[in-house]
C-alpha atoms as a PDB file:
ATOM      1  CA  UNK A   1      -5.447   7.993  20.906  1.00  0.00           C
ATOM      2  CA  UNK A   2      -8.660   6.034  20.453  1.00  0.00           C
ATOM      3  CA  UNK A   3     -10.555   5.704  23.758  1.00  0.00           C
ATOM      4  CA  UNK A   4     -13.063   3.161  22.394  1.00  0.00           C
ATOM      5  CA  UNK A   5     -10.827   0.115  22.596  1.00  0.00           C
ATOM      6  CA  UNK A   6     -11.886  -3.130  20.967  1.00  0.00           C
ATOM      7  CA  UNK A   7     -11.468  -6.723  22.061  1.00  0.00           C
ATOM      8  CA  UNK A   8     -10.796  -9.447  19.482  1.00  0.00           C
ATOM      9  CA  UNK A   9     -14.227 -10.962  20.079  1.00  0.00           C
ATOM     10  CA  UNK A  10     -15.888  -7.621  19.245  1.00  0.00           C
ATOM     11  CA  UNK A  11     -14.351  -6.981  15.821  1.00  0.00           C
ATOM     12  CA  UNK A  12     -17.111  -8.506  13.678  1.00  0.00           C
ATOM     13  CA  UNK A  13     -19.867  -6.784  15.649  1.00  0.00           C
ATOM     14  CA  UNK A  14     -17.975  -3.504  15.367  1.00  0.00           C
ATOM     15  CA  UNK A  15     -17.650  -3.894  11.588  1.00  0.00           C
ATOM     16  CA  UNK A  16     -21.351  -4.593  11.148  1.00  0.00           C
ATOM     17  CA  UNK A  17     -22.393  -1.507  13.113  1.00  0.00           C
ATOM     18  CA  UNK A  18     -22.806   1.671  11.053  1.00  0.00           C
ATOM     19  CA  UNK A  19     -20.118   4.220  11.862  1.00  0.00           C
ATOM     20  CA  UNK A  20     -20.437   8.014  11.545  1.00  0.00           C
ATOM     21  CA  UNK A  21     -19.050   8.013   7.993  1.00  0.00           C
ATOM     22  CA  UNK A  22     -21.583   5.441   6.824  1.00  0.00           C
ATOM     23  CA  UNK A  23     -24.431   7.408   8.392  1.00  0.00           C
ATOM     24  CA  UNK A  24     -23.191  10.511   6.549  1.00  0.00           C
ATOM     25  CA  UNK A  25     -22.947   8.636   3.233  1.00  0.00           C
ATOM     26  CA  UNK A  26     -26.424   7.135   3.717  1.00  0.00           C
ATOM     27  CA  UNK A  27     -27.990  10.571   4.244  1.00  0.00           C
ATOM     28  CA  UNK A  28     -25.985  11.954   1.311  1.00  0.00           C
ATOM     29  CA  UNK A  29     -27.272   9.161  -0.965  1.00  0.00           C
ATOM     30  CA  UNK A  30     -30.900   9.729   0.027  1.00  0.00           C
ATOM     31  CA  UNK A  31     -30.691  13.405  -1.017  1.00  0.00           C
ATOM     32  CA  UNK A  32     -29.285  12.886  -4.519  1.00  0.00           C
ATOM     33  CA  UNK A  33     -32.595  13.726  -6.207  1.00  0.00           C
ATOM     34  CA  UNK A  34     -33.139  16.942  -4.217  1.00  0.00           C
ATOM     35  CA  UNK A  35     -30.343  19.405  -5.061  1.00  0.00           C
ATOM     36  CA  UNK A  36     -31.530  22.119  -2.673  1.00  0.00           C
ATOM     37  CA  UNK A  37     -31.729  19.731   0.286  1.00  0.00           C
ATOM     38  CA  UNK A  38     -28.406  18.171  -0.718  1.00  0.00           C
ATOM     39  CA  UNK A  39     -26.636  21.548  -0.799  1.00  0.00           C
ATOM     40  CA  UNK A  40     -28.110  22.450   2.596  1.00  0.00           C
ATOM     41  CA  UNK A  41     -26.940  19.104   4.017  1.00  0.00           C
ATOM     42  CA  UNK A  42     -23.372  19.531   2.693  1.00  0.00           C
ATOM     43  CA  UNK A  43     -23.115  23.120   3.961  1.00  0.00           C
ATOM     44  CA  UNK A  44     -23.636  21.874   7.506  1.00  0.00           C
ATOM     45  CA  UNK A  45     -20.193  20.267   7.414  1.00  0.00           C
ATOM     46  CA  UNK A  46     -16.740  21.791   7.266  1.00  0.00           C
ATOM     47  CA  UNK A  47     -14.797  20.410   4.298  1.00  0.00           C
ATOM     48  CA  UNK A  48     -11.541  20.162   6.240  1.00  0.00           C
ATOM     49  CA  UNK A  49     -13.277  18.133   8.949  1.00  0.00           C
ATOM     50  CA  UNK A  50     -14.748  15.764   6.350  1.00  0.00           C
ATOM     51  CA  UNK A  51     -11.312  15.198   4.828  1.00  0.00           C
ATOM     52  CA  UNK A  52      -9.781  14.536   8.226  1.00  0.00           C
ATOM     53  CA  UNK A  53     -12.449  11.879   8.794  1.00  0.00           C
ATOM     54  CA  UNK A  54     -11.684  10.400   5.345  1.00  0.00           C
ATOM     55  CA  UNK A  55     -15.169  11.230   4.073  1.00  0.00           C
ATOM     56  CA  UNK A  56     -15.071  11.945   0.346  1.00  0.00           C
ATOM     57  CA  UNK A  57     -17.827  13.242  -1.925  1.00  0.00           C
ATOM     58  CA  UNK A  58     -17.473  14.792  -5.374  1.00  0.00           C
ATOM     59  CA  UNK A  59     -18.476  18.240  -4.086  1.00  0.00           C
ATOM     60  CA  UNK A  60     -15.244  18.585  -2.072  1.00  0.00           C
ATOM     61  CA  UNK A  61     -12.771  16.815  -4.358  1.00  0.00           C
ATOM     62  CA  UNK A  62     -10.526  19.350  -6.065  1.00  0.00           C
ATOM     63  CA  UNK A  63      -8.425  17.093  -8.298  1.00  0.00           C
ATOM     64  CA  UNK A  64     -10.987  14.530  -9.387  1.00  0.00           C
ATOM     65  CA  UNK A  65      -9.539  11.016  -9.390  1.00  0.00           C
ATOM     66  CA  UNK A  66      -6.023  12.365  -8.689  1.00  0.00           C
ATOM     67  CA  UNK A  67      -7.122  13.587  -5.252  1.00  0.00           C
ATOM     68  CA  UNK A  68      -5.605  10.485  -3.636  1.00  0.00           C
ATOM     69  CA  UNK A  69      -2.572  10.106  -5.926  1.00  0.00           C
ATOM     70  CA  UNK A  70       0.185  11.080  -3.481  1.00  0.00           C
ATOM     71  CA  UNK A  71       0.870   9.309  -0.183  1.00  0.00           C
ATOM     72  CA  UNK A  72       0.294  12.564   1.711  1.00  0.00           C
ATOM     73  CA  UNK A  73      -3.388  12.410   0.717  1.00  0.00           C
ATOM     74  CA  UNK A  74      -3.896   9.372   2.957  1.00  0.00           C
ATOM     75  CA  UNK A  75      -1.095   9.600   5.529  1.00  0.00           C
ATOM     76  CA  UNK A  76      -0.680  12.395   8.049  1.00  0.00           C
ATOM     77  CA  UNK A  77       2.021  10.533  10.005  1.00  0.00           C
ATOM     78  CA  UNK A  78       4.953   8.183   9.415  1.00  0.00           C
ATOM     79  CA  UNK A  79       2.995   4.919   9.638  1.00  0.00           C
ATOM     80  CA  UNK A  80       3.597   2.359   6.903  1.00  0.00           C
ATOM     81  CA  UNK A  81       0.233   0.598   6.919  1.00  0.00           C
ATOM     82  CA  UNK A  82      -3.314   1.789   7.513  1.00  0.00           C
ATOM     83  CA  UNK A  83      -6.418  -0.423   7.584  1.00  0.00           C
ATOM     84  CA  UNK A  84     -10.056   0.538   7.999  1.00  0.00           C
ATOM     85  CA  UNK A  85     -13.556  -0.609   7.124  1.00  0.00           C
ATOM     86  CA  UNK A  86     -14.753   0.098   3.603  1.00  0.00           C
ATOM     87  CA  UNK A  87     -17.739   2.368   4.227  1.00  0.00           C
ATOM     88  CA  UNK A  88     -21.143   1.232   3.013  1.00  0.00           C
ATOM     89  CA  UNK A  89     -23.174   3.762   0.991  1.00  0.00           C
ATOM     90  CA  UNK A  90     -19.927   5.423  -0.123  1.00  0.00           C
ATOM     91  CA  UNK A  91     -20.439   7.091  -3.528  1.00  0.00           C
ATOM     92  CA  UNK A  92     -18.621   5.631  -6.525  1.00  0.00           C
ATOM     93  CA  UNK A  93     -15.526   7.802  -6.747  1.00  0.00           C
ATOM     94  CA  UNK A  94     -12.636   6.972  -9.041  1.00  0.00           C
ATOM     95  CA  UNK A  95      -9.148   7.082  -7.585  1.00  0.00           C
ATOM     96  CA  UNK A  96      -5.540   6.621  -8.637  1.00  0.00           C
ATOM     97  CA  UNK A  97      -2.645   6.504  -6.175  1.00  0.00           C
ATOM     98  CA  UNK A  98       1.055   5.786  -5.733  1.00  0.00           C
ATOM     99  CA  UNK A  99       0.666   3.186  -2.987  1.00  0.00           C
ATOM    100  CA  UNK A 100      -0.793  -0.298  -2.739  1.00  0.00           C
ATOM    101  CA  UNK A 101      -4.422  -0.876  -1.829  1.00  0.00           C
ATOM    102  CA  UNK A 102      -5.506  -4.273  -0.532  1.00  0.00           C
ATOM    103  CA  UNK A 103      -9.190  -5.145  -0.245  1.00  0.00           C
ATOM    104  CA  UNK A 104     -10.490  -8.027   1.853  1.00  0.00           C
ATOM    105  CA  UNK A 105     -14.170  -8.980   1.622  1.00  0.00           C
ATOM    106  CA  UNK A 106     -15.560 -10.388   4.860  1.00  0.00           C
ATOM    107  CA  UNK A 107     -19.196 -10.731   3.770  1.00  0.00           C
ATOM    108  CA  UNK A 108     -21.223 -10.182   0.582  1.00  0.00           C
ATOM    109  CA  UNK A 109     -19.316  -8.653  -2.368  1.00  0.00           C
ATOM    110  CA  UNK A 110     -17.793  -5.535  -3.942  1.00  0.00           C
ATOM    111  CA  UNK A 111     -17.735  -4.450  -7.585  1.00  0.00           C
ATOM    112  CA  UNK A 112     -14.587  -2.580  -8.666  1.00  0.00           C
ATOM    113  CA  UNK A 113     -14.239  -0.876 -12.042  1.00  0.00           C
ATOM    114  CA  UNK A 114     -10.667  -1.224 -13.309  1.00  0.00           C
ATOM    115  CA  UNK A 115     -10.281   0.929 -16.382  1.00  0.00           C
ATOM    116  CA  UNK A 116     -13.041  -0.227 -18.722  1.00  0.00           C
ATOM    117  CA  UNK A 117     -13.458  -3.574 -16.958  1.00  0.00           C
ATOM    118  CA  UNK A 118     -15.336  -4.514 -13.820  1.00  0.00           C
ATOM    119  CA  UNK A 119     -14.488  -7.255 -11.356  1.00  0.00           C
ATOM    120  CA  UNK A 120     -16.581  -8.657  -8.524  1.00  0.00           C
ATOM    121  CA  UNK A 121     -14.911  -9.583  -5.246  1.00  0.00           C
ATOM    122  CA  UNK A 122     -16.767 -12.165  -3.204  1.00  0.00           C
ATOM    123  CA  UNK A 123     -16.605 -13.174   0.441  1.00  0.00           C
ATOM    124  CA  UNK A 124     -13.069 -14.289   1.321  1.00  0.00           C
ATOM    125  CA  UNK A 125     -11.409 -12.635  -1.684  1.00  0.00           C
ATOM    126  CA  UNK A 126      -8.195 -10.657  -1.222  1.00  0.00           C
ATOM    127  CA  UNK A 127      -7.448  -8.115  -3.957  1.00  0.00           C
ATOM    128  CA  UNK A 128      -4.146  -6.252  -4.442  1.00  0.00           C
ATOM    129  CA  UNK A 129      -4.497  -3.051  -6.487  1.00  0.00           C
ATOM    130  CA  UNK A 130      -1.088  -1.921  -7.674  1.00  0.00           C
ATOM    131  CA  UNK A 131      -0.062   1.763  -7.829  1.00  0.00           C
ATOM    132  CA  UNK A 132      -1.092   3.798 -10.857  1.00  0.00           C
ATOM    133  CA  UNK A 133      -4.398   2.055 -11.612  1.00  0.00           C
ATOM    134  CA  UNK A 134      -7.565   4.093 -12.061  1.00  0.00           C
ATOM    135  CA  UNK A 135     -10.268   2.245 -10.136  1.00  0.00           C
ATOM    136  CA  UNK A 136     -13.715   2.812  -8.705  1.00  0.00           C
ATOM    137  CA  UNK A 137     -15.244   0.604  -5.963  1.00  0.00           C
ATOM    138  CA  UNK A 138     -18.940   0.003  -5.393  1.00  0.00           C
ATOM    139  CA  UNK A 139     -19.721  -1.243  -1.881  1.00  0.00           C
ATOM    140  CA  UNK A 140     -23.116  -2.875  -1.407  1.00  0.00           C
ATOM    141  CA  UNK A 141     -25.337  -2.094   1.581  1.00  0.00           C
ATOM    142  CA  UNK A 142     -24.734  -5.542   3.087  1.00  0.00           C
ATOM    143  CA  UNK A 143     -21.016  -5.593   2.353  1.00  0.00           C
ATOM    144  CA  UNK A 144     -18.497  -5.960   5.160  1.00  0.00           C
ATOM    145  CA  UNK A 145     -14.999  -5.333   3.804  1.00  0.00           C
ATOM    146  CA  UNK A 146     -11.628  -4.001   4.872  1.00  0.00           C
ATOM    147  CA  UNK A 147      -9.379  -1.619   2.964  1.00  0.00           C
ATOM    148  CA  UNK A 148      -5.657  -1.640   3.663  1.00  0.00           C
ATOM    149  CA  UNK A 149      -3.222   0.873   2.201  1.00  0.00           C
ATOM    150  CA  UNK A 150       0.518   0.175   2.229  1.00  0.00           C
ATOM    151  CA  UNK A 151       3.363   2.474   1.286  1.00  0.00           C
ATOM    152  CA  UNK A 152       5.266   1.377  -1.798  1.00  0.00           C
ATOM    153  CA  UNK A 153       8.522   1.433   0.185  1.00  0.00           C
ATOM    154  CA  UNK A 154       7.065  -0.882   2.840  1.00  0.00           C
ATOM    155  CA  UNK A 155       5.694  -3.225   0.220  1.00  0.00           C
ATOM    156  CA  UNK A 156       9.079  -3.391  -1.484  1.00  0.00           C
ATOM    157  CA  UNK A 157      10.822  -4.323   1.750  1.00  0.00           C
ATOM    158  CA  UNK A 158       8.310  -7.044   2.685  1.00  0.00           C
ATOM    159  CA  UNK A 159       8.103  -8.372  -0.878  1.00  0.00           C
ATOM    160  CA  UNK A 160      11.832  -9.104  -1.100  1.00  0.00           C
ATOM    161  CA  UNK A 161      11.828 -10.549   2.401  1.00  0.00           C
ATOM    162  CA  UNK A 162       9.113 -13.044   1.440  1.00  0.00           C
ATOM    163  CA  UNK A 163      10.084 -13.800  -2.165  1.00  0.00           C
ATOM    164  CA  UNK A 164      11.439 -17.320  -2.585  1.00  0.00           C
ATOM    165  CA  UNK A 165      11.410 -17.943  -6.298  1.00  0.00           C
ATOM    166  CA  UNK A 166       9.616 -16.914  -9.456  1.00  0.00           C
ATOM    167  CA  UNK A 167       5.871 -17.193  -9.832  1.00  0.00           C
ATOM    168  CA  UNK A 168       2.889 -15.330 -11.191  1.00  0.00           C
ATOM    169  CA  UNK A 169       2.760 -13.538  -7.816  1.00  0.00           C
ATOM    170  CA  UNK A 170       6.375 -12.378  -7.884  1.00  0.00           C
ATOM    171  CA  UNK A 171       5.908 -11.232 -11.494  1.00  0.00           C
ATOM    172  CA  UNK A 172       2.927  -9.126 -10.421  1.00  0.00           C
ATOM    173  CA  UNK A 173       4.747  -7.560  -7.474  1.00  0.00           C
ATOM    174  CA  UNK A 174       7.862  -6.861  -9.507  1.00  0.00           C
ATOM    175  CA  UNK A 175       5.847  -5.150 -12.231  1.00  0.00           C
ATOM    176  CA  UNK A 176       3.996  -3.065  -9.664  1.00  0.00           C
ATOM    177  CA  UNK A 177       7.171  -2.016  -7.845  1.00  0.00           C
ATOM    178  CA  UNK A 178       9.665  -1.415 -10.626  1.00  0.00           C
ATOM    179  CA  UNK A 179       8.554  -2.026 -14.184  1.00  0.00           C
ATOM    180  CA  UNK A 180       6.815   0.230 -16.643  1.00  0.00           C
ATOM    181  CA  UNK A 181       3.291  -1.032 -17.404  1.00  0.00           C
ATOM    182  CA  UNK A 182      -0.358  -0.087 -17.151  1.00  0.00           C
ATOM    183  CA  UNK A 183      -0.752  -1.952 -13.885  1.00  0.00           C
ATOM    184  CA  UNK A 184      -2.804  -4.897 -12.758  1.00  0.00           C
ATOM    185  CA  UNK A 185      -4.800  -6.288  -9.893  1.00  0.00           C
ATOM    186  CA  UNK A 186      -3.958  -9.556  -8.193  1.00  0.00           C
ATOM    187  CA  UNK A 187      -6.866 -11.549  -6.841  1.00  0.00           C
ATOM    188  CA  UNK A 188      -6.776 -14.397  -4.310  1.00  0.00           C
ATOM    189  CA  UNK A 189      -9.929 -16.479  -3.877  1.00  0.00           C
ATOM    190  CA  UNK A 190      -9.498 -17.521  -0.245  1.00  0.00           C
ATOM    191  CA  UNK A 191     -13.142 -18.442   0.398  1.00  0.00           C
ATOM    192  CA  UNK A 192     -13.571 -19.354   4.083  1.00  0.00           C
ATOM    193  CA  UNK A 193      -9.876 -19.348   5.009  1.00  0.00           C
ATOM    194  CA  UNK A 194      -9.976 -18.578   8.722  1.00  0.00           C
ATOM    195  CA  UNK A 195      -6.232 -17.908   8.944  1.00  0.00           C
ATOM    196  CA  UNK A 196      -6.445 -15.063   6.419  1.00  0.00           C
ATOM    197  CA  UNK A 197      -9.558 -13.690   8.119  1.00  0.00           C
ATOM    198  CA  UNK A 198      -7.869 -13.747  11.528  1.00  0.00           C
ATOM    199  CA  UNK A 199      -4.823 -11.876  10.189  1.00  0.00           C
ATOM    200  CA  UNK A 200      -6.975  -9.122   8.713  1.00  0.00           C
ATOM    201  CA  UNK A 201      -9.045  -8.857  11.883  1.00  0.00           C
ATOM    202  CA  UNK A 202      -5.919  -8.671  14.028  1.00  0.00           C
ATOM    203  CA  UNK A 203      -4.522  -5.909  11.808  1.00  0.00           C
ATOM    204  CA  UNK A 204      -7.801  -4.006  12.036  1.00  0.00           C
ATOM    205  CA  UNK A 205      -7.754  -4.403  15.805  1.00  0.00           C
ATOM    206  CA  UNK A 206      -4.180  -3.102  16.088  1.00  0.00           C
ATOM    207  CA  UNK A 207      -4.919  -0.102  13.876  1.00  0.00           C
ATOM    208  CA  UNK A 208      -8.077   0.694  15.838  1.00  0.00           C
ATOM    209  CA  UNK A 209      -6.656   0.360  19.362  1.00  0.00           C
ATOM    210  CA  UNK A 210      -3.219   1.818  18.564  1.00  0.00           C
ATOM    211  CA  UNK A 211      -1.414   0.509  21.586  1.00  0.00           C
ATOM    212  CA  UNK A 212       2.347   1.045  21.915  1.00  0.00           C
ATOM    213  CA  UNK A 213       4.279  -0.485  18.980  1.00  0.00           C
ATOM    214  CA  UNK A 214       1.079  -1.186  17.053  1.00  0.00           C
ATOM    215  CA  UNK A 215       2.758  -0.227  13.769  1.00  0.00           C
ATOM    216  CA  UNK A 216       5.525  -2.774  14.325  1.00  0.00           C
ATOM    217  CA  UNK A 217       2.872  -5.435  14.873  1.00  0.00           C
ATOM    218  CA  UNK A 218       1.031  -4.318  11.727  1.00  0.00           C
ATOM    219  CA  UNK A 219       4.216  -4.661   9.679  1.00  0.00           C
ATOM    220  CA  UNK A 220       4.862  -8.145  11.073  1.00  0.00           C
ATOM    221  CA  UNK A 221       1.289  -9.245  10.438  1.00  0.00           C
ATOM    222  CA  UNK A 222       1.533  -7.930   6.891  1.00  0.00           C
ATOM    223  CA  UNK A 223       4.626 -10.066   6.302  1.00  0.00           C
ATOM    224  CA  UNK A 224       2.749 -13.100   7.640  1.00  0.00           C
ATOM    225  CA  UNK A 225      -0.176 -12.305   5.334  1.00  0.00           C
ATOM    226  CA  UNK A 226       2.127 -12.152   2.311  1.00  0.00           C
ATOM    227  CA  UNK A 227       3.738 -15.472   3.240  1.00  0.00           C
ATOM    228  CA  UNK A 228       0.345 -17.160   3.498  1.00  0.00           C
ATOM    229  CA  UNK A 229      -0.726 -15.786   0.124  1.00  0.00           C
ATOM    230  CA  UNK A 230       2.579 -16.687  -1.549  1.00  0.00           C
ATOM    231  CA  UNK A 231       1.970 -20.361  -0.779  1.00  0.00           C
ATOM    232  CA  UNK A 232      -1.608 -20.199  -2.026  1.00  0.00           C
ATOM    233  CA  UNK A 233      -2.602 -22.775  -4.658  1.00  0.00           C
ATOM    234  CA  UNK A 234      -2.242 -21.285  -8.139  1.00  0.00           C
ATOM    235  CA  UNK A 235      -5.801 -22.314  -9.021  1.00  0.00           C
ATOM    236  CA  UNK A 236      -7.036 -19.707  -6.516  1.00  0.00           C
ATOM    237  CA  UNK A 237      -5.043 -16.831  -8.035  1.00  0.00           C
ATOM    238  CA  UNK A 238      -6.079 -14.460 -10.830  1.00  0.00           C
ATOM    239  CA  UNK A 239      -4.431 -11.460 -12.437  1.00  0.00           C
ATOM    240  CA  UNK A 240      -6.807  -8.979 -13.979  1.00  0.00           C
ATOM    241  CA  UNK A 241      -5.711  -6.600 -16.734  1.00  0.00           C
ATOM    242  CA  UNK A 242      -2.467  -6.738 -18.647  1.00  0.00           C
ATOM    243  CA  UNK A 243       0.701  -7.440 -16.715  1.00  0.00           C
ATOM    244  CA  UNK A 244       3.854  -8.050 -18.712  1.00  0.00           C
ATOM    245  CA  UNK A 245       5.736 -11.093 -17.488  1.00  0.00           C
ATOM    246  CA  UNK A 246       9.023 -10.212 -15.831  1.00  0.00           C
ATOM    247  CA  UNK A 247      11.944 -12.368 -16.883  1.00  0.00           C
ATOM    248  CA  UNK A 248      13.724 -14.192 -14.080  1.00  0.00           C
ATOM    249  CA  UNK A 249      16.978 -12.283 -14.633  1.00  0.00           C
ATOM    250  CA  UNK A 250      15.621  -8.849 -13.703  1.00  0.00           C
ATOM    251  CA  UNK A 251      13.890 -10.379 -10.672  1.00  0.00           C
ATOM    252  CA  UNK A 252      17.211 -11.828  -9.494  1.00  0.00           C
ATOM    253  CA  UNK A 253      19.097  -8.591 -10.213  1.00  0.00           C
ATOM    254  CA  UNK A 254      16.711  -6.419  -8.238  1.00  0.00           C
ATOM    255  CA  UNK A 255      16.664  -8.858  -5.360  1.00  0.00           C
ATOM    256  CA  UNK A 256      20.478  -8.917  -5.341  1.00  0.00           C
ATOM    257  CA  UNK A 257      20.614  -5.101  -5.211  1.00  0.00           C
ATOM    258  CA  UNK A 258      18.125  -5.125  -2.330  1.00  0.00           C
ATOM    259  CA  UNK A 259      20.132  -7.656  -0.341  1.00  0.00           C
ATOM    260  CA  UNK A 260      23.552  -6.069  -0.995  1.00  0.00           C
ATOM    261  CA  UNK A 261      22.740  -2.364  -1.177  1.00  0.00           C
ATOM    262  CA  UNK A 262      25.374  -1.271   1.374  1.00  0.00           C
ATOM    263  CA  UNK A 263      28.456  -1.557  -0.839  1.00  0.00           C
ATOM    264  CA  UNK A 264      27.261  -2.809  -4.233  1.00  0.00           C
ATOM    265  CA  UNK A 265      28.454  -1.223  -7.512  1.00  0.00           C
ATOM    266  CA  UNK A 266      27.498  -1.812 -11.109  1.00  0.00           C
ATOM    267  CA  UNK A 267      30.848  -3.604 -11.469  1.00  0.00           C
ATOM    268  CA  UNK A 268      29.933  -5.979  -8.644  1.00  0.00           C
ATOM    269  CA  UNK A 269      26.560  -6.605 -10.232  1.00  0.00           C
ATOM    270  CA  UNK A 270      28.003  -7.247 -13.703  1.00  0.00           C
ATOM    271  CA  UNK A 271      30.485  -9.718 -12.224  1.00  0.00           C
ATOM    272  CA  UNK A 272      27.760 -11.543 -10.307  1.00  0.00           C
ATOM    273  CA  UNK A 273      25.522 -11.913 -13.374  1.00  0.00           C
ATOM    274  CA  UNK A 274      28.326 -12.328 -15.975  1.00  0.00           C
ATOM    275  CA  UNK A 275      27.264  -9.304 -18.005  1.00  0.00           C
ATOM    276  CA  UNK A 276      29.220  -6.268 -19.150  1.00  0.00           C
ATOM    277  CA  UNK A 277      28.705  -3.059 -17.184  1.00  0.00           C
ATOM    278  CA  UNK A 278      27.325  -0.998 -20.108  1.00  0.00           C
ATOM    279  CA  UNK A 279      24.929  -3.755 -21.161  1.00  0.00           C
ATOM    280  CA  UNK A 280      23.698  -4.296 -17.596  1.00  0.00           C
ATOM    281  CA  UNK A 281      23.138  -0.578 -17.016  1.00  0.00           C
ATOM    282  CA  UNK A 282      21.085  -0.294 -20.201  1.00  0.00           C
ATOM    283  CA  UNK A 283      19.209  -3.514 -19.423  1.00  0.00           C
ATOM    284  CA  UNK A 284      18.159  -2.288 -15.951  1.00  0.00           C
ATOM    285  CA  UNK A 285      17.051   1.092 -17.324  1.00  0.00           C
ATOM    286  CA  UNK A 286      15.035  -0.524 -20.139  1.00  0.00           C
ATOM    287  CA  UNK A 287      13.312  -2.910 -17.742  1.00  0.00           C
ATOM    288  CA  UNK A 288      12.559  -0.534 -14.883  1.00  0.00           C
ATOM    289  CA  UNK A 289      12.609   2.952 -16.372  1.00  0.00           C
ATOM    290  CA  UNK A 290      15.231   3.880 -13.751  1.00  0.00           C
ATOM    291  CA  UNK A 291      19.025   3.907 -13.726  1.00  0.00           C
ATOM    292  CA  UNK A 292      20.936   1.545 -11.428  1.00  0.00           C
ATOM    293  CA  UNK A 293      22.095   4.495  -9.290  1.00  0.00           C
ATOM    294  CA  UNK A 294      18.517   5.729  -8.850  1.00  0.00           C
ATOM    295  CA  UNK A 295      17.258   2.299  -7.768  1.00  0.00           C
ATOM    296  CA  UNK A 296      20.171   1.871  -5.371  1.00  0.00           C
ATOM    297  CA  UNK A 297      19.610   5.293  -3.791  1.00  0.00           C
ATOM    298  CA  UNK A 298      15.881   4.621  -3.463  1.00  0.00           C
ATOM    299  CA  UNK A 299      16.476   1.300  -1.690  1.00  0.00           C
ATOM    300  CA  UNK A 300      19.114   2.758   0.639  1.00  0.00           C
ATOM    301  CA  UNK A 301      16.976   5.717   1.700  1.00  0.00           C
ATOM    302  CA  UNK A 302      13.942   3.537   2.299  1.00  0.00           C
ATOM    303  CA  UNK A 303      15.999   1.193   4.465  1.00  0.00           C
ATOM    304  CA  UNK A 304      17.265   4.207   6.390  1.00  0.00           C
ATOM    305  CA  UNK A 305      13.728   5.481   6.845  1.00  0.00           C
ATOM    306  CA  UNK A 306      12.626   2.144   8.282  1.00  0.00           C
ATOM    307  CA  UNK A 307      15.616   2.080  10.663  1.00  0.00           C
ATOM    308  CA  UNK A 308      14.815   5.594  11.904  1.00  0.00           C
ATOM    309  CA  UNK A 309      11.294   4.421  12.735  1.00  0.00           C
ATOM    310  CA  UNK A 310      12.227   1.095  14.322  1.00  0.00           C
ATOM    311  CA  UNK A 311      15.551   1.690  16.112  1.00  0.00           C
ATOM    312  CA  UNK A 312      17.449   4.158  18.301  1.00  0.00           C
ATOM    313  CA  UNK A 313      20.617   3.991  16.217  1.00  0.00           C
ATOM    314  CA  UNK A 314      22.495   7.237  15.601  1.00  0.00           C
ATOM    315  CA  UNK A 315      21.995   8.871  12.224  1.00  0.00           C
ATOM    316  CA  UNK A 316      25.717   8.337  11.495  1.00  0.00           C
ATOM    317  CA  UNK A 317      25.377   4.598  12.106  1.00  0.00           C
ATOM    318  CA  UNK A 318      22.243   4.329   9.996  1.00  0.00           C
ATOM    319  CA  UNK A 319      23.913   6.193   7.136  1.00  0.00           C
ATOM    320  CA  UNK A 320      26.881   3.815   7.236  1.00  0.00           C
ATOM    321  CA  UNK A 321      24.698   0.697   7.498  1.00  0.00           C
ATOM    322  CA  UNK A 322      22.897   1.542   4.245  1.00  0.00           C
ATOM    323  CA  UNK A 323      26.038   2.522   2.354  1.00  0.00           C
ATOM    324  CA  UNK A 324      26.692   6.228   2.963  1.00  0.00           C
ATOM    325  CA  UNK A 325      30.070   6.966   4.545  1.00  0.00           C
ATOM    326  CA  UNK A 326      29.546  10.721   4.223  1.00  0.00           C
ATOM    327  CA  UNK A 327      26.751  11.497   6.683  1.00  0.00           C
ATOM    328  CA  UNK A 328      26.245  15.055   5.373  1.00  0.00           C
ATOM    329  CA  UNK A 329      25.632  13.680   1.884  1.00  0.00           C
ATOM    330  CA  UNK A 330      23.187  11.147   3.335  1.00  0.00           C
ATOM    331  CA  UNK A 331      21.280  13.866   5.217  1.00  0.00           C
ATOM    332  CA  UNK A 332      20.976  15.985   2.047  1.00  0.00           C
ATOM    333  CA  UNK A 333      19.629  13.049   0.038  1.00  0.00           C
ATOM    334  CA  UNK A 334      17.237  12.048   2.800  1.00  0.00           C
ATOM    335  CA  UNK A 335      15.863  15.581   3.170  1.00  0.00           C
ATOM    336  CA  UNK A 336      15.405  15.890  -0.595  1.00  0.00           C
ATOM    337  CA  UNK A 337      13.314  12.682  -0.662  1.00  0.00           C
ATOM    338  CA  UNK A 338      11.307  13.056   2.558  1.00  0.00           C
ATOM    339  CA  UNK A 339      11.373  16.876   3.012  1.00  0.00           C
ATOM    340  CA  UNK A 340      12.816  16.404   6.531  1.00  0.00           C
ATOM    341  CA  UNK A 341      16.234  15.690   7.949  1.00  0.00           C
ATOM    342  CA  UNK A 342      16.630  12.226   9.509  1.00  0.00           C
ATOM    343  CA  UNK A 343      16.362  13.669  13.034  1.00  0.00           C
ATOM    344  CA  UNK A 344      13.282  15.708  12.124  1.00  0.00           C
ATOM    345  CA  UNK A 345      11.755  12.614  10.542  1.00  0.00           C
ATOM    346  CA  UNK A 346      12.421  10.490  13.628  1.00  0.00           C
ATOM    347  CA  UNK A 347      10.891  13.095  15.983  1.00  0.00           C
ATOM    348  CA  UNK A 348       7.741  13.299  13.845  1.00  0.00           C
ATOM    349  CA  UNK A 349       7.039   9.574  13.712  1.00  0.00           C
END
């Protein structure tokens, strides 16, 4: 529990003030040309403690850019969303991960290398970095920016809740969530949009203060953020790097599975979309790289996970509500995916 609570009026001042991580990074940067002094400086700190504080330097990274690949590298609890300040003076470290990263620039700018390209985010820009992209941020000394990380499962749930038609945005999200591609970044030029700024600040405040039900509020604010961005004027939207355009049919199919996951079968789906079962099964696999049964199981288990975190329903009722009549089978599947039984998962959240 954080004892240094913030008020809404204090957020900007708090972001401008150097925190302990930034002070560490500043000292680390100043010693780059003196190896002996640098080694002495690093040896003063315990590597485990640095990792717990989310302080990363090349001397303690064991897997290079894959250090952050799995969700467990950034989450030590069952939260869905985490938001923090992007530390100034942080060294340029490449990263690749299986969750969404969202960058919001409050002041100044950030350069981000995406593969062999580089993009510059300016004040007011919101950048979505989809899973699987190798990227390297460079935060300037005067930069004030926020970094949000969102589980893929959470993003999937909120995406389908907000999606109301086909657009360049829905194509991007669909590719990032389901389809096989090299990945892309989605950039919104929001300039001085106070509504977007207020949402990010409120999310930062909730994550910092961590009052009761703060994660529920974060999830709701994230949905509001997505809705605001989805109605953004297309002239303010850019997609960087290759992103294959998703045809409207696969978008509709995946959304239908999401909305009807409790009892849906491939026969139901083929009837709804007037396609033969064998053709539809092959079509889904070709488009997503996953079989219909795999996608359905993934959606059901993620819905169950969210219900365990947000309700007091019995495990038997949750299993039935997502389509599993055999609760033992549901528990086995859930444990295989999350390495905990549903009850163990609920107690650990």
